[in-house]
Amino acid sequence: FFQAANSEKLKWENLKHPNVLPFLGTALFEDIFFLVSEFAEYGDIICYLGMENGPILRLLYEVSDAIKYLHVELQKAHCDIKPDNILVTRTRRALLCDFATVKGDGAGSSANSASQRSALYLSPECLEDNKTRTTASDMWAFGISIAQ
């Protein structure tokens, strides 16, 4: 667990964008390693939309801007875009989170390499064996997230 958490920390700590969940640091409590972030009062975007009739278009724009930052500025694919990984703050700002699977484009994460990922968000080419996720498959996943 420590290696996986440290790997995510290394990917996450240098991401700086208004719509990327800020990495605040690490904590160790009773031999458990924690990654510390800003608190998103409304939870994920699905929970938020269930509670409020909020500014959905602005939230989607903010998420798309965070994805653009990863894809264009950093040349990286998120590889796990889904509503669970889009949080909403008290000020109703969308934040992209969960950077454990971030990869440089072209060296994406195998679509079947992590069981926690939902097949619902996989692009058709990623449903085939040994296909990797890329920036294009991120866009598919974002589109499915919008449709949901």
C-alpha atoms as a PDB file:
ATOM      1  CA  PHE A   1       0.000   0.000   0.000  1.00  0.00           C
ATOM      2  CA  PHE A   2       2.801   2.419   0.874  1.00  0.00           C
ATOM      3  CA  GLN A   3       4.397   2.009  -2.575  1.00  0.00           C
ATOM      4  CA  ALA A   4       1.082   2.669  -4.348  1.00  0.00           C
ATOM      5  CA  ALA A   5       0.362   5.734  -2.198  1.00  0.00           C
ATOM      6  CA  ASN A   6       3.888   7.063  -2.685  1.00  0.00           C
ATOM      7  CA  SER A   7       3.596   6.533  -6.444  1.00  0.00           C
ATOM      8  CA  GLU A   8       0.367   8.553  -6.511  1.00  0.00           C
ATOM      9  CA  LYS A   9       1.991  11.242  -4.332  1.00  0.00           C
ATOM     10  CA  LEU A  10       4.868  11.619  -6.797  1.00  0.00           C
ATOM     11  CA  LYS A  11       2.434  12.031  -9.709  1.00  0.00           C
ATOM     12  CA  TRP A  12       0.080  14.357  -7.851  1.00  0.00           C
ATOM     13  CA  GLU A  13       2.296  16.722  -5.853  1.00  0.00           C
ATOM     14  CA  ASN A  14       3.510  18.722  -8.859  1.00  0.00           C
ATOM     15  CA  LEU A  15       0.110  19.200 -10.502  1.00  0.00           C
ATOM     16  CA  LYS A  16      -0.844  22.874 -10.273  1.00  0.00           C
ATOM     17  CA  HIS A  17      -4.172  23.908 -11.779  1.00  0.00           C
ATOM     18  CA  PRO A  18      -7.261  25.607 -10.281  1.00  0.00           C
ATOM     19  CA  ASN A  19      -9.382  22.560 -11.134  1.00  0.00           C
ATOM     20  CA  VAL A  20      -7.003  19.845  -9.958  1.00  0.00           C
ATOM     21  CA  LEU A  21      -7.521  18.734  -6.353  1.00  0.00           C
ATOM     22  CA  PRO A  22      -4.649  20.373  -4.432  1.00  0.00           C
ATOM     23  CA  PHE A  23      -2.131  18.043  -2.821  1.00  0.00           C
ATOM     24  CA  LEU A  24      -1.447  19.326   0.698  1.00  0.00           C
ATOM     25  CA  GLY A  25       0.949  16.718   2.038  1.00  0.00           C
ATOM     26  CA  THR A  26       1.240  13.339   3.703  1.00  0.00           C
ATOM     27  CA  ALA A  27       0.482  11.990   7.141  1.00  0.00           C
ATOM     28  CA  LEU A  28       1.374   8.826   9.003  1.00  0.00           C
ATOM     29  CA  PHE A  29      -1.018   7.562  11.656  1.00  0.00           C
ATOM     30  CA  GLU A  30      -0.630   4.175  13.332  1.00  0.00           C
ATOM     31  CA  ASP A  31       1.534   2.899  10.450  1.00  0.00           C
ATOM     32  CA  ILE A  32      -1.022   4.030   7.845  1.00  0.00           C
ATOM     33  CA  PHE A  33       0.217   6.445   5.178  1.00  0.00           C
ATOM     34  CA  PHE A  34      -2.291   9.115   4.102  1.00  0.00           C
ATOM     35  CA  LEU A  35      -2.295  11.583   1.225  1.00  0.00           C
ATOM     36  CA  VAL A  36      -3.820  14.862   2.401  1.00  0.00           C
ATOM     37  CA  SER A  37      -5.907  17.088   0.132  1.00  0.00           C
ATOM     38  CA  GLU A  38      -8.391  19.905   0.223  1.00  0.00           C
ATOM     39  CA  PHE A  39     -11.832  18.861   1.489  1.00  0.00           C
ATOM     40  CA  ALA A  40     -14.599  18.861  -1.124  1.00  0.00           C
ATOM     41  CA  GLU A  41     -17.754  19.525   0.882  1.00  0.00           C
ATOM     42  CA  TYR A  42     -20.192  18.376  -1.799  1.00  0.00           C
ATOM     43  CA  GLY A  43     -18.404  15.119  -2.575  1.00  0.00           C
ATOM     44  CA  ASP A  44     -18.374  13.896  -6.157  1.00  0.00           C
ATOM     45  CA  ILE A  45     -20.296  15.586  -8.957  1.00  0.00           C
ATOM     46  CA  ILE A  46     -23.120  13.010  -8.926  1.00  0.00           C
ATOM     47  CA  CYS A  47     -23.730  13.607  -5.186  1.00  0.00           C
ATOM     48  CA  TYR A  48     -23.620  17.362  -5.747  1.00  0.00           C
ATOM     49  CA  LEU A  49     -26.136  17.275  -8.589  1.00  0.00           C
ATOM     50  CA  GLY A  50     -28.418  15.108  -6.442  1.00  0.00           C
ATOM     51  CA  MET A  51     -28.426  17.803  -3.731  1.00  0.00           C
ATOM     52  CA  GLU A  52     -28.419  20.994  -5.776  1.00  0.00           C
ATOM     53  CA  ASN A  53     -29.512  22.294  -9.131  1.00  0.00           C
ATOM     54  CA  GLY A  54     -26.023  23.666  -9.644  1.00  0.00           C
ATOM     55  CA  PRO A  55     -24.078  25.279 -12.476  1.00  0.00           C
ATOM     56  CA  ILE A  56     -23.459  22.062 -14.429  1.00  0.00           C
ATOM     57  CA  LEU A  57     -22.067  23.705 -17.577  1.00  0.00           C
ATOM     58  CA  ARG A  58     -19.514  25.697 -15.582  1.00  0.00           C
ATOM     59  CA  LEU A  59     -18.484  22.581 -13.641  1.00  0.00           C
ATOM     60  CA  LEU A  60     -18.045  20.617 -16.875  1.00  0.00           C
ATOM     61  CA  TYR A  61     -15.998  23.461 -18.353  1.00  0.00           C
ATOM     62  CA  GLU A  62     -13.764  23.438 -15.269  1.00  0.00           C
ATOM     63  CA  VAL A  63     -13.215  19.685 -15.531  1.00  0.00           C
ATOM     64  CA  SER A  64     -12.471  19.983 -19.250  1.00  0.00           C
ATOM     65  CA  ASP A  65      -9.917  22.686 -18.443  1.00  0.00           C
ATOM     66  CA  ALA A  66      -8.196  20.373 -15.928  1.00  0.00           C
ATOM     67  CA  ILE A  67      -8.153  17.577 -18.523  1.00  0.00           C
ATOM     68  CA  LYS A  68      -6.716  19.997 -21.106  1.00  0.00           C
ATOM     69  CA  TYR A  69      -3.984  20.921 -18.606  1.00  0.00           C
ATOM     70  CA  LEU A  70      -3.018  17.258 -18.213  1.00  0.00           C
ATOM     71  CA  HIS A  71      -3.226  16.478 -21.936  1.00  0.00           C
ATOM     72  CA  VAL A  72      -1.743  19.599 -23.531  1.00  0.00           C
ATOM     73  CA  GLU A  73       0.588  21.158 -20.977  1.00  0.00           C
ATOM     74  CA  LEU A  74       1.842  17.967 -19.326  1.00  0.00           C
ATOM     75  CA  GLN A  75       1.344  15.467 -22.174  1.00  0.00           C
ATOM     76  CA  LYS A  76      -0.256  13.023 -19.731  1.00  0.00           C
ATOM     77  CA  ALA A  77      -3.396  10.902 -19.702  1.00  0.00           C
ATOM     78  CA  HIS A  78      -5.445  10.664 -16.490  1.00  0.00           C
ATOM     79  CA  CYS A  79      -6.588   7.087 -17.302  1.00  0.00           C
ATOM     80  CA  ASP A  80      -9.452   7.013 -14.786  1.00  0.00           C
ATOM     81  CA  ILE A  81     -11.867   9.846 -15.578  1.00  0.00           C
ATOM     82  CA  LYS A  82     -15.317   9.189 -14.143  1.00  0.00           C
ATOM     83  CA  PRO A  83     -17.827  11.092 -11.973  1.00  0.00           C
ATOM     84  CA  ASP A  84     -16.318   9.595  -8.793  1.00  0.00           C
ATOM     85  CA  ASN A  85     -13.099  11.475  -9.624  1.00  0.00           C
ATOM     86  CA  ILE A  86     -14.756  14.864 -10.098  1.00  0.00           C
ATOM     87  CA  LEU A  87     -15.282  16.591  -6.751  1.00  0.00           C
ATOM     88  CA  VAL A  88     -17.180  19.791  -5.935  1.00  0.00           C
ATOM     89  CA  THR A  89     -16.003  22.239  -3.268  1.00  0.00           C
ATOM     90  CA  ARG A  90     -18.009  24.457  -0.924  1.00  0.00           C
ATOM     91  CA  THR A  91     -17.534  27.304  -3.430  1.00  0.00           C
ATOM     92  CA  ARG A  92     -18.969  25.051  -6.170  1.00  0.00           C
ATOM     93  CA  ARG A  93     -15.683  24.587  -7.982  1.00  0.00           C
ATOM     94  CA  ALA A  94     -15.022  21.307  -9.821  1.00  0.00           C
ATOM     95  CA  LEU A  95     -11.789  19.479  -8.992  1.00  0.00           C
ATOM     96  CA  LEU A  96     -10.343  16.516 -10.864  1.00  0.00           C
ATOM     97  CA  CYS A  97      -8.822  13.955  -8.490  1.00  0.00           C
ATOM     98  CA  ASP A  98      -7.290  10.452  -8.234  1.00  0.00           C
ATOM     99  CA  PHE A  99      -3.962  10.587 -10.010  1.00  0.00           C
ATOM    100  CA  ALA A 100      -2.776   7.051  -9.276  1.00  0.00           C
ATOM    101  CA  THR A 101      -3.088   6.021 -12.923  1.00  0.00           C
ATOM    102  CA  VAL A 102      -1.712   9.149 -14.634  1.00  0.00           C
ATOM    103  CA  LYS A 103       0.672   8.226 -17.454  1.00  0.00           C
ATOM    104  CA  GLY A 104       2.524  10.000 -20.219  1.00  0.00           C
ATOM    105  CA  ASP A 105       0.435   9.836 -23.408  1.00  0.00           C
ATOM    106  CA  GLY A 106       1.301   6.829 -25.486  1.00  0.00           C
ATOM    107  CA  ALA A 107       2.334   4.950 -22.363  1.00  0.00           C
ATOM    108  CA  GLY A 108      -1.114   4.804 -20.844  1.00  0.00           C
ATOM    109  CA  SER A 109      -2.443   2.457 -18.252  1.00  0.00           C
ATOM    110  CA  SER A 110      -3.684  -0.931 -19.402  1.00  0.00           C
ATOM    111  CA  ALA A 111      -7.474  -0.885 -19.517  1.00  0.00           C
ATOM    112  CA  ASN A 112      -7.709  -4.091 -17.526  1.00  0.00           C
ATOM    113  CA  SER A 113      -4.783  -3.452 -15.184  1.00  0.00           C
ATOM    114  CA  ALA A 114      -6.838  -2.263 -12.234  1.00  0.00           C
ATOM    115  CA  SER A 115     -10.031  -3.954 -11.150  1.00  0.00           C
ATOM    116  CA  GLN A 116     -11.408  -0.843  -9.423  1.00  0.00           C
ATOM    117  CA  ARG A 117     -11.944   0.880 -12.761  1.00  0.00           C
ATOM    118  CA  SER A 118     -15.446   0.670 -14.159  1.00  0.00           C
ATOM    119  CA  ALA A 119     -15.880  -0.759 -17.641  1.00  0.00           C
ATOM    120  CA  LEU A 120     -18.640   1.810 -18.236  1.00  0.00           C
ATOM    121  CA  TYR A 121     -16.033   4.516 -18.865  1.00  0.00           C
ATOM    122  CA  LEU A 122     -13.726   2.474 -21.121  1.00  0.00           C
ATOM    123  CA  SER A 123     -13.547   3.449 -24.778  1.00  0.00           C
ATOM    124  CA  PRO A 124     -14.332   0.664 -27.275  1.00  0.00           C
ATOM    125  CA  GLU A 125     -10.659   0.156 -28.163  1.00  0.00           C
ATOM    126  CA  CYS A 126      -9.756  -0.180 -24.480  1.00  0.00           C
ATOM    127  CA  LEU A 127     -12.258  -2.998 -24.067  1.00  0.00           C
ATOM    128  CA  GLU A 128      -9.994  -5.113 -26.266  1.00  0.00           C
ATOM    129  CA  ASP A 129      -7.222  -6.998 -24.453  1.00  0.00           C
ATOM    130  CA  ASN A 130      -3.903  -5.213 -23.909  1.00  0.00           C
ATOM    131  CA  LYS A 131      -5.090  -1.826 -25.150  1.00  0.00           C
ATOM    132  CA  THR A 132      -3.818   1.137 -23.180  1.00  0.00           C
ATOM    133  CA  ARG A 133      -5.655   4.248 -22.137  1.00  0.00           C
ATOM    134  CA  THR A 134      -4.543   7.490 -23.745  1.00  0.00           C
ATOM    135  CA  THR A 135      -5.705  11.092 -23.916  1.00  0.00           C
ATOM    136  CA  ALA A 136      -8.276   9.939 -26.505  1.00  0.00           C
ATOM    137  CA  SER A 137      -9.696   7.364 -24.098  1.00  0.00           C
ATOM    138  CA  ASP A 138      -9.793  10.074 -21.410  1.00  0.00           C
ATOM    139  CA  MET A 139     -12.037  12.119 -23.704  1.00  0.00           C
ATOM    140  CA  TRP A 140     -14.312   9.094 -24.240  1.00  0.00           C
ATOM    141  CA  ALA A 141     -14.551   8.626 -20.459  1.00  0.00           C
ATOM    142  CA  PHE A 142     -15.327  12.327 -19.971  1.00  0.00           C
ATOM    143  CA  GLY A 143     -18.077  12.105 -22.601  1.00  0.00           C
ATOM    144  CA  ILE A 144     -19.615   9.081 -20.872  1.00  0.00           C
ATOM    145  CA  SER A 145     -19.372  10.945 -17.550  1.00  0.00           C
ATOM    146  CA  ILE A 146     -21.271  13.892 -19.054  1.00  0.00           C
ATOM    147  CA  ALA A 147     -23.947  11.576 -20.449  1.00  0.00           C
ATOM    148  CA  GLN A 148     -24.386   9.922 -17.079  1.00  0.00           C
END
